[in-house]
Amino acid sequence: MSTVTRFGPRAAAVTALYPSEIERLESRPVLGCPGVSAKILCHDSGMVSSLITYLRSATTPGSPHTADQYIWVLSGEVSLGGKALGAGCFVHVPAGVAHPITGIGPNGCVILQIHVPPTAAVGRMSTEPIVAPI
């Protein structure tokens, strides 16, 4: 990982991964899910960001978790909870909700998944909105 800059009142480090660095990350098979592999991008205070690749017809059971999950389909097409979603789609899976995932695109799919346990969010979020209220 490359440290890009430091800013803010607490001078926390901002970390960036360049495409070449992401390409070199180890891709690990997801246990019990043939054709599914994951690259961990960041693991901090229980929050995990991963790039997950599904070959065509590969699946994960999507058992309910105690954490919220945020999923962005980066390429291909996926069936998530029985709904077909293509590249650019975003999904929030609340804690406790089943969410089986299957790669259904001709070349499978790649998703960015952010797993946020309840304790990871406490005290880490700004109280200022990042968008104007509706």
Protein backbone atom coordinates (compact mmCIF):
# COMPACT_ATOMS: atom_id res chain seq x y z
CA MET A 1 0.00 0.00 0.00
CA SER A 2 1.10 3.53 -0.71
CA THR A 3 0.41 6.38 1.66
CA VAL A 4 -0.97 9.20 -0.43
CA THR A 5 -1.36 12.08 2.00
CA ARG A 6 -2.13 13.09 5.57
CA PHE A 7 -4.83 15.60 6.38
CA GLY A 8 -7.46 16.61 8.92
CA PRO A 9 -7.27 17.56 12.57
CA ARG A 10 -6.05 14.12 13.63
CA ALA A 11 -3.68 13.79 10.65
CA ALA A 12 -4.88 10.28 9.88
CA ALA A 13 -3.10 8.60 7.01
CA VAL A 14 -5.01 8.19 3.77
CA THR A 15 -4.00 5.02 1.98
CA ALA A 16 -4.38 4.28 -1.72
CA LEU A 17 -3.89 1.15 -3.77
CA TYR A 18 -2.98 1.67 -7.40
CA PRO A 19 -4.32 -0.76 -10.03
CA SER A 20 -0.92 -2.45 -10.36
CA GLU A 21 -0.82 -3.03 -6.58
CA ILE A 22 -4.35 -4.44 -6.57
CA GLU A 23 -3.40 -6.75 -9.43
CA ARG A 24 -0.51 -8.13 -7.33
CA LEU A 25 -2.64 -8.79 -4.24
CA GLU A 26 -3.16 -12.44 -3.40
CA SER A 27 -6.48 -13.79 -4.65
CA ARG A 28 -7.72 -16.37 -2.15
CA PRO A 29 -10.43 -18.95 -2.86
CA VAL A 30 -13.57 -18.50 -0.77
CA LEU A 31 -13.89 -21.69 1.27
CA GLY A 32 -16.74 -23.96 0.21
CA CYS A 33 -17.53 -21.82 -2.83
CA PRO A 34 -15.80 -23.18 -5.96
CA GLY A 35 -15.17 -20.50 -8.57
CA VAL A 36 -15.26 -17.62 -6.05
CA SER A 37 -12.11 -15.79 -4.95
CA ALA A 38 -11.40 -12.67 -2.93
CA LYS A 39 -8.70 -10.01 -2.63
CA ILE A 40 -8.71 -8.15 0.69
CA LEU A 41 -8.17 -4.45 0.00
CA CYS A 42 -8.44 -3.17 3.57
CA HIS A 43 -9.12 -4.61 7.02
CA ASP A 44 -9.61 -2.03 9.77
CA SER A 45 -11.49 -2.26 13.10
CA GLY A 46 -13.50 -5.23 11.87
CA MET A 47 -14.51 -3.51 8.63
CA VAL A 48 -13.32 -5.45 5.57
CA SER A 49 -13.24 -4.22 1.97
CA SER A 50 -12.79 -6.97 -0.64
CA LEU A 51 -12.83 -7.47 -4.37
CA ILE A 52 -14.72 -10.72 -4.95
CA THR A 53 -14.63 -12.52 -8.29
CA TYR A 54 -17.33 -15.01 -9.29
CA LEU A 55 -16.89 -17.27 -12.31
CA ARG A 56 -20.08 -17.87 -14.31
CA SER A 57 -22.54 -19.89 -12.14
CA ALA A 58 -20.26 -19.73 -9.08
CA THR A 59 -22.17 -18.92 -5.91
CA THR A 60 -21.91 -17.97 -2.25
CA PRO A 61 -24.75 -18.85 0.14
CA GLY A 62 -25.14 -15.33 1.54
CA SER A 63 -26.07 -16.53 5.01
CA PRO A 64 -27.28 -13.72 7.29
CA HIS A 65 -24.44 -11.85 9.03
CA THR A 66 -24.30 -9.71 12.15
CA ALA A 67 -22.85 -6.92 9.98
CA ASP A 68 -24.15 -4.64 7.25
CA GLN A 69 -22.73 -5.28 3.81
CA TYR A 70 -22.37 -2.77 1.01
CA ILE A 71 -21.90 -4.26 -2.46
CA TRP A 72 -21.06 -2.54 -5.73
CA VAL A 73 -21.08 -4.59 -8.94
CA LEU A 74 -17.93 -3.52 -10.78
CA SER A 75 -18.17 -5.77 -13.84
CA GLY A 76 -20.35 -8.51 -15.23
CA GLU A 77 -23.71 -9.49 -13.84
CA VAL A 78 -24.73 -11.04 -10.54
CA SER A 79 -27.86 -12.51 -9.05
CA LEU A 80 -28.18 -11.23 -5.49
CA GLY A 81 -31.12 -12.50 -3.50
CA GLY A 82 -32.76 -13.57 -6.76
CA LYS A 83 -32.46 -10.16 -8.45
CA ALA A 84 -30.22 -9.69 -11.53
CA LEU A 85 -27.86 -6.72 -11.16
CA GLY A 86 -25.31 -5.43 -13.66
CA ALA A 87 -22.16 -3.37 -13.49
CA GLY A 88 -22.70 -0.09 -11.67
CA CYS A 89 -25.45 -1.38 -9.37
CA PHE A 90 -25.14 -0.84 -5.61
CA VAL A 91 -26.74 -2.90 -2.86
CA HIS A 92 -26.98 -2.45 0.90
CA VAL A 93 -27.62 -5.73 2.74
CA PRO A 94 -28.67 -4.99 6.33
CA ALA A 95 -27.41 -7.22 9.13
CA GLY A 96 -29.47 -10.38 9.49
CA VAL A 97 -30.66 -10.55 5.86
CA ALA A 98 -29.89 -13.57 3.63
CA HIS A 99 -28.26 -12.58 0.34
CA PRO A 100 -27.19 -15.50 -1.86
CA ILE A 101 -24.95 -14.33 -4.72
CA THR A 102 -24.33 -16.04 -8.08
CA GLY A 103 -22.19 -14.84 -11.00
CA ILE A 104 -24.59 -14.86 -13.96
CA GLY A 105 -22.72 -12.80 -16.56
CA PRO A 106 -21.05 -14.67 -19.43
CA ASN A 107 -17.70 -14.02 -17.75
CA GLY A 108 -19.02 -14.03 -14.18
CA CYS A 109 -18.62 -10.81 -12.24
CA VAL A 110 -16.47 -8.78 -9.88
CA ILE A 111 -17.97 -7.01 -6.86
CA LEU A 112 -16.59 -4.66 -4.26
CA GLN A 113 -17.95 -5.76 -0.89
CA ILE A 114 -17.59 -3.75 2.30
CA HIS A 115 -18.45 -5.68 5.47
CA VAL A 116 -19.20 -3.30 8.36
CA PRO A 117 -19.88 -4.84 11.77
CA PRO A 118 -21.87 -2.64 14.17
CA THR A 119 -18.85 -1.89 16.38
CA ALA A 120 -16.77 -0.68 13.40
CA ALA A 121 -19.16 2.22 12.75
CA VAL A 122 -19.32 3.49 16.34
CA GLY A 123 -17.34 6.68 16.73
CA ARG A 124 -15.84 6.49 13.25
CA MET A 125 -18.43 8.34 11.21
CA SER A 126 -18.60 12.09 10.86
CA THR A 127 -21.72 13.74 12.24
CA GLU A 128 -21.77 16.07 9.23
CA PRO A 129 -23.73 14.89 6.20
CA ILE A 130 -21.74 14.42 2.99
CA VAL A 131 -24.77 15.23 0.83
CA ALA A 132 -27.54 17.76 1.29
CA PRO A 133 -30.64 16.39 3.08
CA ILE A 134 -33.60 15.54 0.85
